[in-house]
Amino acid sequence: MIEKIAMTQPLIQRLTRWKNSTIWRDSLHIGNRCLAATFGGYLLSAVATILLAQILPLSQVDRVLTAMMLSFTVYTCAVIWVFSVKSTWRYWLDLFALSGLLYLAYLAAKALDINPIQGGGL
């Protein structure tokens, strides 16, 4: 029994040292940024895609394809933005606020029936 306690004591000390170190905090910050970049960036690019597919002055097929291709650019910019901002709350707030504004613009465009070219396509 004493041997077991003697073996686990250094492990507990190492774990508490690691938990209190800056590596633990930095790991949490990087993990939080990765989550924000992954899910927040996806949300932003998806909302930007539906808005662009609604308002671009092209045929329906071209609007959807152009919006889908531009979504990769929006997603990349969102990832760069998340990793360039200092504050944790700032990038979460910015991603959700911009996604909400784009969604409101989409709802307004849909309510006003902004559809530049009807028909067309391949």
PDB file of N, CA and C in Angstrom:
ATOM      1  N   MET A   1       0.816  -1.187   0.000  1.00  0.00           N
ATOM      2  CA  MET A   1       0.000   0.000   0.000  1.00  0.00           C
ATOM      3  C   MET A   1       0.862   1.255   0.000  1.00  0.00           C
ATOM      4  N   ILE A   2       1.952   1.230   0.777  1.00  0.00           N
ATOM      5  CA  ILE A   2       2.842   2.386   0.848  1.00  0.00           C
ATOM      6  C   ILE A   2       3.542   2.598  -0.480  1.00  0.00           C
ATOM      7  N   GLU A   3       3.870   1.507  -1.167  1.00  0.00           N
ATOM      8  CA  GLU A   3       4.528   1.637  -2.464  1.00  0.00           C
ATOM      9  C   GLU A   3       3.608   2.313  -3.470  1.00  0.00           C
ATOM     10  N   LYS A   4       2.352   2.000  -3.437  1.00  0.00           N
ATOM     11  CA  LYS A   4       1.390   2.584  -4.364  1.00  0.00           C
ATOM     12  C   LYS A   4       1.267   4.092  -4.141  1.00  0.00           C
ATOM     13  N   ILE A   5       1.198   4.514  -2.904  1.00  0.00           N
ATOM     14  CA  ILE A   5       1.125   5.938  -2.587  1.00  0.00           C
ATOM     15  C   ILE A   5       2.412   6.633  -2.993  1.00  0.00           C
ATOM     16  N   ALA A   6       3.529   5.989  -2.774  1.00  0.00           N
ATOM     17  CA  ALA A   6       4.816   6.585  -3.131  1.00  0.00           C
ATOM     18  C   ALA A   6       4.960   6.744  -4.632  1.00  0.00           C
ATOM     19  N   MET A   7       4.372   5.845  -5.404  1.00  0.00           N
ATOM     20  CA  MET A   7       4.483   5.940  -6.857  1.00  0.00           C
ATOM     21  C   MET A   7       3.538   6.996  -7.416  1.00  0.00           C
ATOM     22  N   THR A   8       2.355   7.131  -6.848  1.00  0.00           N
ATOM     23  CA  THR A   8       1.395   8.077  -7.393  1.00  0.00           C
ATOM     24  C   THR A   8       1.661   9.514  -6.951  1.00  0.00           C
ATOM     25  N   GLN A   9       2.367   9.695  -5.872  1.00  0.00           N
ATOM     26  CA  GLN A   9       2.637  11.046  -5.383  1.00  0.00           C
ATOM     27  C   GLN A   9       3.410  11.894  -6.396  1.00  0.00           C
ATOM     28  N   PRO A  10       4.499  11.405  -7.017  1.00  0.00           N
ATOM     29  CA  PRO A  10       5.182  12.230  -8.026  1.00  0.00           C
ATOM     30  C   PRO A  10       4.294  12.522  -9.233  1.00  0.00           C
ATOM     31  N   LEU A  11       3.455  11.557  -9.587  1.00  0.00           N
ATOM     32  CA  LEU A  11       2.546  11.774 -10.703  1.00  0.00           C
ATOM     33  C   LEU A  11       1.564  12.897 -10.393  1.00  0.00           C
ATOM     34  N   ILE A  12       1.015  12.904  -9.208  1.00  0.00           N
ATOM     35  CA  ILE A  12       0.073  13.952  -8.796  1.00  0.00           C
ATOM     36  C   ILE A  12       0.777  15.300  -8.753  1.00  0.00           C
ATOM     37  N   GLN A  13       1.986  15.306  -8.261  1.00  0.00           N
ATOM     38  CA  GLN A  13       2.746  16.565  -8.230  1.00  0.00           C
ATOM     39  C   GLN A  13       3.003  17.078  -9.637  1.00  0.00           C
ATOM     40  N   ARG A  14       3.356  16.177 -10.554  1.00  0.00           N
ATOM     41  CA  ARG A  14       3.600  16.611 -11.931  1.00  0.00           C
ATOM     42  C   ARG A  14       2.320  17.123 -12.589  1.00  0.00           C
ATOM     43  N   LEU A  15       1.217  16.450 -12.312  1.00  0.00           N
ATOM     44  CA  LEU A  15      -0.049  16.893 -12.898  1.00  0.00           C
ATOM     45  C   LEU A  15      -0.479  18.248 -12.346  1.00  0.00           C
ATOM     46  N   THR A  16      -0.309  18.463 -11.060  1.00  0.00           N
ATOM     47  CA  THR A  16      -0.686  19.765 -10.503  1.00  0.00           C
ATOM     48  C   THR A  16       0.246  20.858 -11.000  1.00  0.00           C
ATOM     49  N   ARG A  17       1.532  20.537 -11.181  1.00  0.00           N
ATOM     50  CA  ARG A  17       2.447  21.529 -11.748  1.00  0.00           C
ATOM     51  C   ARG A  17       2.050  21.869 -13.179  1.00  0.00           C
ATOM     52  N   TRP A  18       1.664  20.846 -13.954  1.00  0.00           N
ATOM     53  CA  TRP A  18       1.275  21.075 -15.339  1.00  0.00           C
ATOM     54  C   TRP A  18      -0.033  21.866 -15.411  1.00  0.00           C
ATOM     55  N   LYS A  19      -0.953  21.564 -14.492  1.00  0.00           N
ATOM     56  CA  LYS A  19      -2.236  22.265 -14.472  1.00  0.00           C
ATOM     57  C   LYS A  19      -2.053  23.741 -14.140  1.00  0.00           C
ATOM     58  N   ASN A  20      -1.129  24.060 -13.268  1.00  0.00           N
ATOM     59  CA  ASN A  20      -0.896  25.441 -12.872  1.00  0.00           C
ATOM     60  C   ASN A  20       0.051  26.178 -13.812  1.00  0.00           C
ATOM     61  N   SER A  21       0.626  25.477 -14.761  1.00  0.00           N
ATOM     62  CA  SER A  21       1.605  26.117 -15.642  1.00  0.00           C
ATOM     63  C   SER A  21       0.904  26.901 -16.753  1.00  0.00           C
ATOM     64  N   THR A  22       1.666  27.677 -17.462  1.00  0.00           N
ATOM     65  CA  THR A  22       1.121  28.457 -18.574  1.00  0.00           C
ATOM     66  C   THR A  22       0.828  27.584 -19.780  1.00  0.00           C
ATOM     67  N   ILE A  23       1.441  26.415 -19.850  1.00  0.00           N
ATOM     68  CA  ILE A  23       1.165  25.513 -20.973  1.00  0.00           C
ATOM     69  C   ILE A  23      -0.300  25.090 -20.959  1.00  0.00           C
ATOM     70  N   TRP A  24      -0.842  24.825 -19.783  1.00  0.00           N
ATOM     71  CA  TRP A  24      -2.251  24.435 -19.652  1.00  0.00           C
ATOM     72  C   TRP A  24      -3.162  25.554 -20.141  1.00  0.00           C
ATOM     73  N   ARG A  25      -2.884  26.774 -19.711  1.00  0.00           N
ATOM     74  CA  ARG A  25      -3.719  27.908 -20.133  1.00  0.00           C
ATOM     75  C   ARG A  25      -3.583  28.156 -21.626  1.00  0.00           C
ATOM     76  N   ASP A  26      -2.373  28.067 -22.148  1.00  0.00           N
ATOM     77  CA  ASP A  26      -2.175  28.264 -23.575  1.00  0.00           C
ATOM     78  C   ASP A  26      -2.875  27.177 -24.385  1.00  0.00           C
ATOM     79  N   SER A  27      -2.857  25.959 -23.883  1.00  0.00           N
ATOM     80  CA  SER A  27      -3.545  24.868 -24.569  1.00  0.00           C
ATOM     81  C   SER A  27      -5.046  25.119 -24.613  1.00  0.00           C
ATOM     82  N   LEU A  28      -5.600  25.618 -23.524  1.00  0.00           N
ATOM     83  CA  LEU A  28      -7.030  25.934 -23.513  1.00  0.00           C
ATOM     84  C   LEU A  28      -7.357  27.072 -24.472  1.00  0.00           C
ATOM     85  N   HIS A  29      -6.501  28.081 -24.524  1.00  0.00           N
ATOM     86  CA  HIS A  29      -6.743  29.197 -25.436  1.00  0.00           C
ATOM     87  C   HIS A  29      -6.672  28.743 -26.893  1.00  0.00           C
ATOM     88  N   ILE A  30      -5.704  27.922 -27.202  1.00  0.00           N
ATOM     89  CA  ILE A  30      -5.585  27.438 -28.578  1.00  0.00           C
ATOM     90  C   ILE A  30      -6.752  26.523 -28.925  1.00  0.00           C
ATOM     91  N   GLY A  31      -7.166  25.681 -27.993  1.00  0.00           N
ATOM     92  CA  GLY A  31      -8.329  24.831 -28.231  1.00  0.00           C
ATOM     93  C   GLY A  31      -9.598  25.636 -28.435  1.00  0.00           C
ATOM     94  N   ASN A  32      -9.760  26.690 -27.645  1.00  0.00           N
ATOM     95  CA  ASN A  32     -10.921  27.568 -27.790  1.00  0.00           C
ATOM     96  C   ASN A  32     -10.900  28.264 -29.144  1.00  0.00           C
ATOM     97  N   ARG A  33      -9.738  28.714 -29.563  1.00  0.00           N
ATOM     98  CA  ARG A  33      -9.624  29.359 -30.874  1.00  0.00           C
ATOM     99  C   ARG A  33      -9.901  28.370 -32.003  1.00  0.00           C
ATOM    100  N   CYS A  34      -9.448  27.139 -31.837  1.00  0.00           N
ATOM    101  CA  CYS A  34      -9.730  26.127 -32.866  1.00  0.00           C
ATOM    102  C   CYS A  34     -11.220  25.840 -32.965  1.00  0.00           C
ATOM    103  N   LEU A  35     -11.900  25.765 -31.818  1.00  0.00           N
ATOM    104  CA  LEU A  35     -13.354  25.575 -31.845  1.00  0.00           C
ATOM    105  C   LEU A  35     -14.061  26.754 -32.503  1.00  0.00           C
ATOM    106  N   ALA A  36     -13.619  27.966 -32.168  1.00  0.00           N
ATOM    107  CA  ALA A  36     -14.229  29.149 -32.762  1.00  0.00           C
ATOM    108  C   ALA A  36     -13.966  29.200 -34.262  1.00  0.00           C
ATOM    109  N   ALA A  37     -12.751  28.858 -34.665  1.00  0.00           N
ATOM    110  CA  ALA A  37     -12.427  28.882 -36.082  1.00  0.00           C
ATOM    111  C   ALA A  37     -13.220  27.822 -36.843  1.00  0.00           C
ATOM    112  N   THR A  38     -13.383  26.658 -36.239  1.00  0.00           N
ATOM    113  CA  THR A  38     -14.083  25.573 -36.923  1.00  0.00           C
ATOM    114  C   THR A  38     -15.581  25.845 -37.012  1.00  0.00           C
ATOM    115  N   PHE A  39     -16.221  26.028 -35.869  1.00  0.00           N
ATOM    116  CA  PHE A  39     -17.675  26.135 -35.869  1.00  0.00           C
ATOM    117  C   PHE A  39     -18.168  27.550 -36.175  1.00  0.00           C
ATOM    118  N   GLY A  40     -17.516  28.552 -35.616  1.00  0.00           N
ATOM    119  CA  GLY A  40     -17.900  29.929 -35.923  1.00  0.00           C
ATOM    120  C   GLY A  40     -17.613  30.287 -37.375  1.00  0.00           C
ATOM    121  N   GLY A  41     -16.470  29.822 -37.887  1.00  0.00           N
ATOM    122  CA  GLY A  41     -16.149  30.061 -39.288  1.00  0.00           C
ATOM    123  C   GLY A  41     -17.129  29.368 -40.223  1.00  0.00           C
ATOM    124  N   TYR A  42     -17.542  28.145 -39.838  1.00  0.00           N
ATOM    125  CA  TYR A  42     -18.530  27.436 -40.645  1.00  0.00           C
ATOM    126  C   TYR A  42     -19.871  28.167 -40.637  1.00  0.00           C
ATOM    127  N   LEU A  43     -20.276  28.625 -39.469  1.00  0.00           N
ATOM    128  CA  LEU A  43     -21.539  29.371 -39.371  1.00  0.00           C
ATOM    129  C   LEU A  43     -21.488  30.626 -40.235  1.00  0.00           C
ATOM    130  N   LEU A  44     -20.405  31.366 -40.131  1.00  0.00           N
ATOM    131  CA  LEU A  44     -20.271  32.593 -40.913  1.00  0.00           C
ATOM    132  C   LEU A  44     -20.255  32.307 -42.406  1.00  0.00           C
ATOM    133  N   SER A  45     -19.519  31.305 -42.831  1.00  0.00           N
ATOM    134  CA  SER A  45     -19.460  31.016 -44.268  1.00  0.00           C
ATOM    135  C   SER A  45     -20.791  30.470 -44.782  1.00  0.00           C
ATOM    136  N   ALA A  46     -21.509  29.711 -43.969  1.00  0.00           N
ATOM    137  CA  ALA A  46     -22.813  29.199 -44.401  1.00  0.00           C
ATOM    138  C   ALA A  46     -23.829  30.327 -44.567  1.00  0.00           C
ATOM    139  N   VAL A  47     -23.842  31.263 -43.627  1.00  0.00           N
ATOM    140  CA  VAL A  47     -24.786  32.382 -43.718  1.00  0.00           C
ATOM    141  C   VAL A  47     -24.398  33.299 -44.881  1.00  0.00           C
ATOM    142  N   ALA A  48     -23.104  33.517 -45.081  1.00  0.00           N
ATOM    143  CA  ALA A  48     -22.667  34.332 -46.217  1.00  0.00           C
ATOM    144  C   ALA A  48     -23.040  33.664 -47.534  1.00  0.00           C
ATOM    145  N   THR A  49     -22.982  32.343 -47.577  1.00  0.00           N
ATOM    146  CA  THR A  49     -23.339  31.614 -48.794  1.00  0.00           C
ATOM    147  C   THR A  49     -24.812  31.767 -49.125  1.00  0.00           C
ATOM    148  N   ILE A  50     -25.687  31.640 -48.125  1.00  0.00           N
ATOM    149  CA  ILE A  50     -27.112  31.770 -48.434  1.00  0.00           C
ATOM    150  C   ILE A  50     -27.470  33.206 -48.811  1.00  0.00           C
ATOM    151  N   LEU A  51     -26.770  34.181 -48.215  1.00  0.00           N
ATOM    152  CA  LEU A  51     -27.029  35.566 -48.596  1.00  0.00           C
ATOM    153  C   LEU A  51     -26.572  35.836 -50.022  1.00  0.00           C
ATOM    154  N   LEU A  52     -25.356  35.395 -50.350  1.00  0.00           N
ATOM    155  CA  LEU A  52     -24.845  35.629 -51.693  1.00  0.00           C
ATOM    156  C   LEU A  52     -25.654  34.876 -52.745  1.00  0.00           C
ATOM    157  N   ALA A  53     -26.116  33.672 -52.411  1.00  0.00           N
ATOM    158  CA  ALA A  53     -26.942  32.923 -53.354  1.00  0.00           C
ATOM    159  C   ALA A  53     -28.282  33.602 -53.589  1.00  0.00           C
ATOM    160  N   GLN A  54     -28.683  34.453 -52.673  1.00  0.00           N
ATOM    161  CA  GLN A  54     -29.947  35.176 -52.828  1.00  0.00           C
ATOM    162  C   GLN A  54     -29.782  36.473 -53.618  1.00  0.00           C
ATOM    163  N   ILE A  55     -28.675  37.185 -53.468  1.00  0.00           N
ATOM    164  CA  ILE A  55     -28.599  38.547 -53.994  1.00  0.00           C
ATOM    165  C   ILE A  55     -27.664  38.733 -55.187  1.00  0.00           C
ATOM    166  N   LEU A  56     -26.857  37.754 -55.554  1.00  0.00           N
ATOM    167  CA  LEU A  56     -25.962  37.959 -56.701  1.00  0.00           C
ATOM    168  C   LEU A  56     -26.756  38.098 -57.994  1.00  0.00           C
ATOM    169  N   PRO A  57     -26.343  39.025 -58.868  1.00  0.00           N
ATOM    170  CA  PRO A  57     -27.092  39.252 -60.113  1.00  0.00           C
ATOM    171  C   PRO A  57     -26.664  38.292 -61.225  1.00  0.00           C
ATOM    172  N   LEU A  58     -26.864  37.019 -61.019  1.00  0.00           N
ATOM    173  CA  LEU A  58     -26.514  35.992 -61.992  1.00  0.00           C
ATOM    174  C   LEU A  58     -27.683  35.031 -62.126  1.00  0.00           C
ATOM    175  N   SER A  59     -27.556  34.074 -63.025  1.00  0.00           N
ATOM    176  CA  SER A  59     -28.592  33.049 -63.089  1.00  0.00           C
ATOM    177  C   SER A  59     -28.535  32.199 -61.827  1.00  0.00           C
ATOM    178  N   GLN A  60     -29.567  31.418 -61.594  1.00  0.00           N
ATOM    179  CA  GLN A  60     -29.675  30.692 -60.339  1.00  0.00           C
ATOM    180  C   GLN A  60     -28.508  29.724 -60.128  1.00  0.00           C
ATOM    181  N   VAL A  61     -28.139  28.990 -61.144  1.00  0.00           N
ATOM    182  CA  VAL A  61     -27.042  28.037 -61.016  1.00  0.00           C
ATOM    183  C   VAL A  61     -25.734  28.771 -60.754  1.00  0.00           C
ATOM    184  N   ASP A  62     -25.495  29.855 -61.473  1.00  0.00           N
ATOM    185  CA  ASP A  62     -24.262  30.618 -61.292  1.00  0.00           C
ATOM    186  C   ASP A  62     -24.198  31.286 -59.923  1.00  0.00           C
ATOM    187  N   ARG A  63     -25.345  31.741 -59.435  1.00  0.00           N
ATOM    188  CA  ARG A  63     -25.378  32.337 -58.090  1.00  0.00           C
ATOM    189  C   ARG A  63     -24.968  31.339 -57.027  1.00  0.00           C
ATOM    190  N   VAL A  64     -25.521  30.139 -57.103  1.00  0.00           N
ATOM    191  CA  VAL A  64     -25.223  29.114 -56.104  1.00  0.00           C
ATOM    192  C   VAL A  64     -23.764  28.686 -56.192  1.00  0.00           C
ATOM    193  N   LEU A  65     -23.277  28.457 -57.405  1.00  0.00           N
ATOM    194  CA  LEU A  65     -21.884  28.035 -57.560  1.00  0.00           C
ATOM    195  C   LEU A  65     -20.914  29.124 -57.117  1.00  0.00           C
ATOM    196  N   THR A  66     -21.194  30.361 -57.469  1.00  0.00           N
ATOM    197  CA  THR A  66     -20.320  31.462 -57.061  1.00  0.00           C
ATOM    198  C   THR A  66     -20.345  31.643 -55.551  1.00  0.00           C
ATOM    199  N   ALA A  67     -21.514  31.555 -54.964  1.00  0.00           N
ATOM    200  CA  ALA A  67     -21.620  31.689 -53.511  1.00  0.00           C
ATOM    201  C   ALA A  67     -20.884  30.560 -52.803  1.00  0.00           C
ATOM    202  N   MET A  68     -20.984  29.343 -53.319  1.00  0.00           N
ATOM    203  CA  MET A  68     -20.283  28.220 -52.707  1.00  0.00           C
ATOM    204  C   MET A  68     -18.773  28.375 -52.817  1.00  0.00           C
ATOM    205  N   MET A  69     -18.292  28.870 -53.944  1.00  0.00           N
ATOM    206  CA  MET A  69     -16.848  29.070 -54.088  1.00  0.00           C
ATOM    207  C   MET A  69     -16.347  30.199 -53.204  1.00  0.00           C
ATOM    208  N   LEU A  70     -17.144  31.241 -53.058  1.00  0.00           N
ATOM    209  CA  LEU A  70     -16.748  32.342 -52.182  1.00  0.00           C
ATOM    210  C   LEU A  70     -16.813  31.967 -50.710  1.00  0.00           C
ATOM    211  N   SER A  71     -17.567  30.924 -50.388  1.00  0.00           N
ATOM    212  CA  SER A  71     -17.650  30.505 -48.983  1.00  0.00           C
ATOM    213  C   SER A  71     -16.297  30.015 -48.468  1.00  0.00           C
ATOM    214  N   PHE A  72     -15.467  29.455 -49.329  1.00  0.00           N
ATOM    215  CA  PHE A  72     -14.136  29.031 -48.897  1.00  0.00           C
ATOM    216  C   PHE A  72     -13.281  30.238 -48.512  1.00  0.00           C
ATOM    217  N   THR A  73     -13.434  31.318 -49.240  1.00  0.00           N
ATOM    218  CA  THR A  73     -12.702  32.542 -48.920  1.00  0.00           C
ATOM    219  C   THR A  73     -13.198  33.129 -47.598  1.00  0.00           C
ATOM    220  N   VAL A  74     -14.495  33.134 -47.400  1.00  0.00           N
ATOM    221  CA  VAL A  74     -15.069  33.652 -46.152  1.00  0.00           C
ATOM    222  C   VAL A  74     -14.598  32.815 -44.968  1.00  0.00           C
ATOM    223  N   TYR A  75     -14.589  31.512 -45.131  1.00  0.00           N
ATOM    224  CA  TYR A  75     -14.153  30.618 -44.056  1.00  0.00           C
ATOM    225  C   TYR A  75     -12.680  30.847 -43.721  1.00  0.00           C
ATOM    226  N   THR A  76     -11.850  30.993 -44.752  1.00  0.00           N
ATOM    227  CA  THR A  76     -10.423  31.237 -44.517  1.00  0.00           C
ATOM    228  C   THR A  76     -10.204  32.564 -43.808  1.00  0.00           C
ATOM    229  N   CYS A  77     -10.926  33.588 -44.209  1.00  0.00           N
ATOM    230  CA  CYS A  77     -10.806  34.892 -43.537  1.00  0.00           C
ATOM    231  C   CYS A  77     -11.271  34.812 -42.085  1.00  0.00           C
ATOM    232  N   ALA A  78     -12.305  34.018 -41.817  1.00  0.00           N
ATOM    233  CA  ALA A  78     -12.776  33.860 -40.441  1.00  0.00           C
ATOM    234  C   ALA A  78     -11.725  33.162 -39.579  1.00  0.00           C
ATOM    235  N   VAL A  79     -11.064  32.157 -40.128  1.00  0.00           N
ATOM    236  CA  VAL A  79     -10.015  31.458 -39.378  1.00  0.00           C
ATOM    237  C   VAL A  79      -8.851  32.398 -39.090  1.00  0.00           C
ATOM    238  N   ILE A  80      -8.454  33.169 -40.073  1.00  0.00           N
ATOM    239  CA  ILE A  80      -7.363  34.132 -39.874  1.00  0.00           C
ATOM    240  C   ILE A  80      -7.765  35.164 -38.825  1.00  0.00           C
ATOM    241  N   TRP A  81      -9.005  35.604 -38.870  1.00  0.00           N
ATOM    242  CA  TRP A  81      -9.481  36.602 -37.907  1.00  0.00           C
ATOM    243  C   TRP A  81      -9.450  36.049 -36.479  1.00  0.00           C
ATOM    244  N   VAL A  82      -9.893  34.809 -36.312  1.00  0.00           N
ATOM    245  CA  VAL A  82      -9.935  34.209 -34.979  1.00  0.00           C
ATOM    246  C   VAL A  82      -8.537  34.126 -34.380  1.00  0.00           C
ATOM    247  N   PHE A  83      -7.562  33.784 -35.170  1.00  0.00           N
ATOM    248  CA  PHE A  83      -6.215  33.629 -34.639  1.00  0.00           C
ATOM    249  C   PHE A  83      -5.433  34.937 -34.580  1.00  0.00           C
ATOM    250  N   SER A  84      -6.012  36.020 -35.061  1.00  0.00           N
ATOM    251  CA  SER A  84      -5.298  37.300 -34.997  1.00  0.00           C
ATOM    252  C   SER A  84      -5.811  38.230 -33.901  1.00  0.00           C
ATOM    253  N   VAL A  85      -6.984  37.952 -33.348  1.00  0.00           N
ATOM    254  CA  VAL A  85      -7.571  38.790 -32.310  1.00  0.00           C
ATOM    255  C   VAL A  85      -7.032  38.361 -30.950  1.00  0.00           C
ATOM    256  N   LYS A  86      -6.788  39.328 -30.063  1.00  0.00           N
ATOM    257  CA  LYS A  86      -6.226  39.013 -28.742  1.00  0.00           C
ATOM    258  C   LYS A  86      -7.260  38.495 -27.760  1.00  0.00           C
ATOM    259  N   SER A  87      -8.428  39.086 -27.731  1.00  0.00           N
ATOM    260  CA  SER A  87      -9.424  38.771 -26.714  1.00  0.00           C
ATOM    261  C   SER A  87     -10.252  37.544 -27.103  1.00  0.00           C
ATOM    262  N   THR A  88     -10.523  36.701 -26.115  1.00  0.00           N
ATOM    263  CA  THR A  88     -11.327  35.502 -26.350  1.00  0.00           C
ATOM    264  C   THR A  88     -12.762  35.856 -26.710  1.00  0.00           C
ATOM    265  N   TRP A  89     -13.341  36.757 -25.942  1.00  0.00           N
ATOM    266  CA  TRP A  89     -14.736  37.121 -26.188  1.00  0.00           C
ATOM    267  C   TRP A  89     -14.890  37.898 -27.476  1.00  0.00           C
ATOM    268  N   ARG A  90     -13.855  38.576 -27.896  1.00  0.00           N
ATOM    269  CA  ARG A  90     -13.945  39.404 -29.095  1.00  0.00           C
ATOM    270  C   ARG A  90     -14.206  38.562 -30.345  1.00  0.00           C
ATOM    271  N   TYR A  91     -13.452  37.470 -30.522  1.00  0.00           N
ATOM    272  CA  TYR A  91     -13.662  36.703 -31.751  1.00  0.00           C
ATOM    273  C   TYR A  91     -14.965  35.924 -31.724  1.00  0.00           C
ATOM    274  N   TRP A  92     -15.391  35.434 -30.548  1.00  0.00           N
ATOM    275  CA  TRP A  92     -16.699  34.781 -30.497  1.00  0.00           C
ATOM    276  C   TRP A  92     -17.810  35.786 -30.803  1.00  0.00           C
ATOM    277  N   LEU A  93     -17.732  36.955 -30.191  1.00  0.00           N
ATOM    278  CA  LEU A  93     -18.749  37.975 -30.403  1.00  0.00           C
ATOM    279  C   LEU A  93     -18.765  38.442 -31.860  1.00  0.00           C
ATOM    280  N   ASP A  94     -17.593  38.653 -32.433  1.00  0.00           N
ATOM    281  CA  ASP A  94     -17.525  39.107 -33.821  1.00  0.00           C
ATOM    282  C   ASP A  94     -18.106  38.079 -34.785  1.00  0.00           C
ATOM    283  N   LEU A  95     -17.781  36.815 -34.581  1.00  0.00           N
ATOM    284  CA  LEU A  95     -18.305  35.782 -35.485  1.00  0.00           C
ATOM    285  C   LEU A  95     -19.822  35.674 -35.394  1.00  0.00           C
ATOM    286  N   PHE A  96     -20.347  35.668 -34.173  1.00  0.00           N
ATOM    287  CA  PHE A  96     -21.797  35.551 -34.031  1.00  0.00           C
ATOM    288  C   PHE A  96     -22.526  36.824 -34.461  1.00  0.00           C
ATOM    289  N   ALA A  97     -21.945  37.986 -34.186  1.00  0.00           N
ATOM    290  CA  ALA A  97     -22.584  39.240 -34.590  1.00  0.00           C
ATOM    291  C   ALA A  97     -22.612  39.371 -36.111  1.00  0.00           C
ATOM    292  N   LEU A  98     -21.501  39.058 -36.756  1.00  0.00           N
ATOM    293  CA  LEU A  98     -21.460  39.154 -38.214  1.00  0.00           C
ATOM    294  C   LEU A  98     -22.380  38.116 -38.860  1.00  0.00           C
ATOM    295  N   SER A  99     -22.435  36.922 -38.287  1.00  0.00           N
ATOM    296  CA  SER A  99     -23.356  35.907 -38.804  1.00  0.00           C
ATOM    297  C   SER A  99     -24.804  36.364 -38.647  1.00  0.00           C
ATOM    298  N   GLY A 100     -25.125  36.967 -37.506  1.00  0.00           N
ATOM    299  CA  GLY A 100     -26.482  37.473 -37.293  1.00  0.00           C
ATOM    300  C   GLY A 100     -26.841  38.596 -38.247  1.00  0.00           C
ATOM    301  N   LEU A 101     -25.899  39.511 -38.476  1.00  0.00           N
ATOM    302  CA  LEU A 101     -26.162  40.602 -39.421  1.00  0.00           C
ATOM    303  C   LEU A 101     -26.360  40.088 -40.842  1.00  0.00           C
ATOM    304  N   LEU A 102     -25.545  39.132 -41.245  1.00  0.00           N
ATOM    305  CA  LEU A 102     -25.708  38.565 -42.587  1.00  0.00           C
ATOM    306  C   LEU A 102     -27.033  37.819 -42.708  1.00  0.00           C
ATOM    307  N   TYR A 103     -27.443  37.145 -41.634  1.00  0.00           N
ATOM    308  CA  TYR A 103     -28.725  36.453 -41.671  1.00  0.00           C
ATOM    309  C   TYR A 103     -29.889  37.435 -41.739  1.00  0.00           C
ATOM    310  N   LEU A 104     -29.786  38.542 -41.007  1.00  0.00           N
ATOM    311  CA  LEU A 104     -30.830  39.575 -41.112  1.00  0.00           C
ATOM    312  C   LEU A 104     -30.872  40.171 -42.523  1.00  0.00           C
ATOM    313  N   ALA A 105     -29.706  40.350 -43.131  1.00  0.00           N
ATOM    314  CA  ALA A 105     -29.674  40.848 -44.513  1.00  0.00           C
ATOM    315  C   ALA A 105     -30.303  39.831 -45.459  1.00  0.00           C
ATOM    316  N   TYR A 106     -30.075  38.547 -45.206  1.00  0.00           N
ATOM    317  CA  TYR A 106     -30.708  37.515 -46.021  1.00  0.00           C
ATOM    318  C   TYR A 106     -32.230  37.550 -45.856  1.00  0.00           C
ATOM    319  N   LEU A 107     -32.704  37.678 -44.618  1.00  0.00           N
ATOM    320  CA  LEU A 107     -34.151  37.747 -44.399  1.00  0.00           C
ATOM    321  C   LEU A 107     -34.762  38.974 -45.058  1.00  0.00           C
ATOM    322  N   ALA A 108     -34.051  40.097 -45.017  1.00  0.00           N
ATOM    323  CA  ALA A 108     -34.545  41.310 -45.672  1.00  0.00           C
ATOM    324  C   ALA A 108     -34.590  41.129 -47.180  1.00  0.00           C
ATOM    325  N   ALA A 109     -33.551  40.514 -47.742  1.00  0.00           N
ATOM    326  CA  ALA A 109     -33.523  40.283 -49.191  1.00  0.00           C
ATOM    327  C   ALA A 109     -34.618  39.314 -49.607  1.00  0.00           C
ATOM    328  N   LYS A 110     -34.875  38.333 -48.777  1.00  0.00           N
ATOM    329  CA  LYS A 110     -35.936  37.377 -49.093  1.00  0.00           C
ATOM    330  C   LYS A 110     -37.310  38.023 -48.961  1.00  0.00           C
ATOM    331  N   ALA A 111     -37.489  38.884 -47.949  1.00  0.00           N
ATOM    332  CA  ALA A 111     -38.779  39.560 -47.764  1.00  0.00           C
ATOM    333  C   ALA A 111     -39.050  40.546 -48.890  1.00  0.00           C
ATOM    334  N   LEU A 112     -38.000  41.223 -49.352  1.00  0.00           N
ATOM    335  CA  LEU A 112     -38.157  42.177 -50.452  1.00  0.00           C
ATOM    336  C   LEU A 112     -38.123  41.497 -51.806  1.00  0.00           C
ATOM    337  N   ASP A 113     -37.933  40.198 -51.809  1.00  0.00           N
ATOM    338  CA  ASP A 113     -37.865  39.385 -53.028  1.00  0.00           C
ATOM    339  C   ASP A 113     -36.803  39.924 -53.984  1.00  0.00           C
ATOM    340  N   ILE A 114     -35.627  40.148 -53.445  1.00  0.00           N
ATOM    341  CA  ILE A 114     -34.502  40.580 -54.270  1.00  0.00           C
ATOM    342  C   ILE A 114     -33.939  39.350 -54.953  1.00  0.00           C
ATOM    343  N   ASN A 115     -34.264  39.225 -56.214  1.00  0.00           N
ATOM    344  CA  ASN A 115     -33.806  38.109 -57.031  1.00  0.00           C
ATOM    345  C   ASN A 115     -33.536  38.696 -58.420  1.00  0.00           C
ATOM    346  N   PRO A 116     -32.306  39.152 -58.676  1.00  0.00           N
ATOM    347  CA  PRO A 116     -32.008  39.948 -59.849  1.00  0.00           C
ATOM    348  C   PRO A 116     -32.416  39.333 -61.175  1.00  0.00           C
ATOM    349  N   ILE A 117     -32.107  38.066 -61.387  1.00  0.00           N
ATOM    350  CA  ILE A 117     -32.403  37.427 -62.653  1.00  0.00           C
ATOM    351  C   ILE A 117     -33.207  36.157 -62.381  1.00  0.00           C
ATOM    352  N   GLN A 118     -34.363  36.058 -62.962  1.00  0.00           N
ATOM    353  CA  GLN A 118     -35.187  34.865 -62.808  1.00  0.00           C
ATOM    354  C   GLN A 118     -34.854  33.889 -63.939  1.00  0.00           C
ATOM    355  N   GLY A 119     -34.829  32.628 -63.568  1.00  0.00           N
ATOM    356  CA  GLY A 119     -34.592  31.610 -64.587  1.00  0.00           C
ATOM    357  C   GLY A 119     -33.140  31.526 -64.969  1.00  0.00           C
ATOM    358  N   GLY A 120     -32.910  31.280 -66.250  1.00  0.00           N
ATOM    359  CA  GLY A 120     -31.528  31.159 -66.738  1.00  0.00           C
ATOM    360  C   GLY A 120     -30.977  29.799 -66.385  1.00  0.00           C
ATOM    361  N   GLY A 121     -29.714  29.742 -66.139  1.00  0.00           N
ATOM    362  CA  GLY A 121     -29.072  28.509 -65.762  1.00  0.00           C
ATOM    363  C   GLY A 121     -28.534  27.769 -66.970  1.00  0.00           C
ATOM    364  N   LEU A 122     -28.249  26.506 -66.748  1.00  0.00           N
ATOM    365  CA  LEU A 122     -27.676  25.692 -67.832  1.00  0.00           C
ATOM    366  C   LEU A 122     -28.792  25.177 -68.645  1.00  0.00           C
TER     367      LEU A 122
END
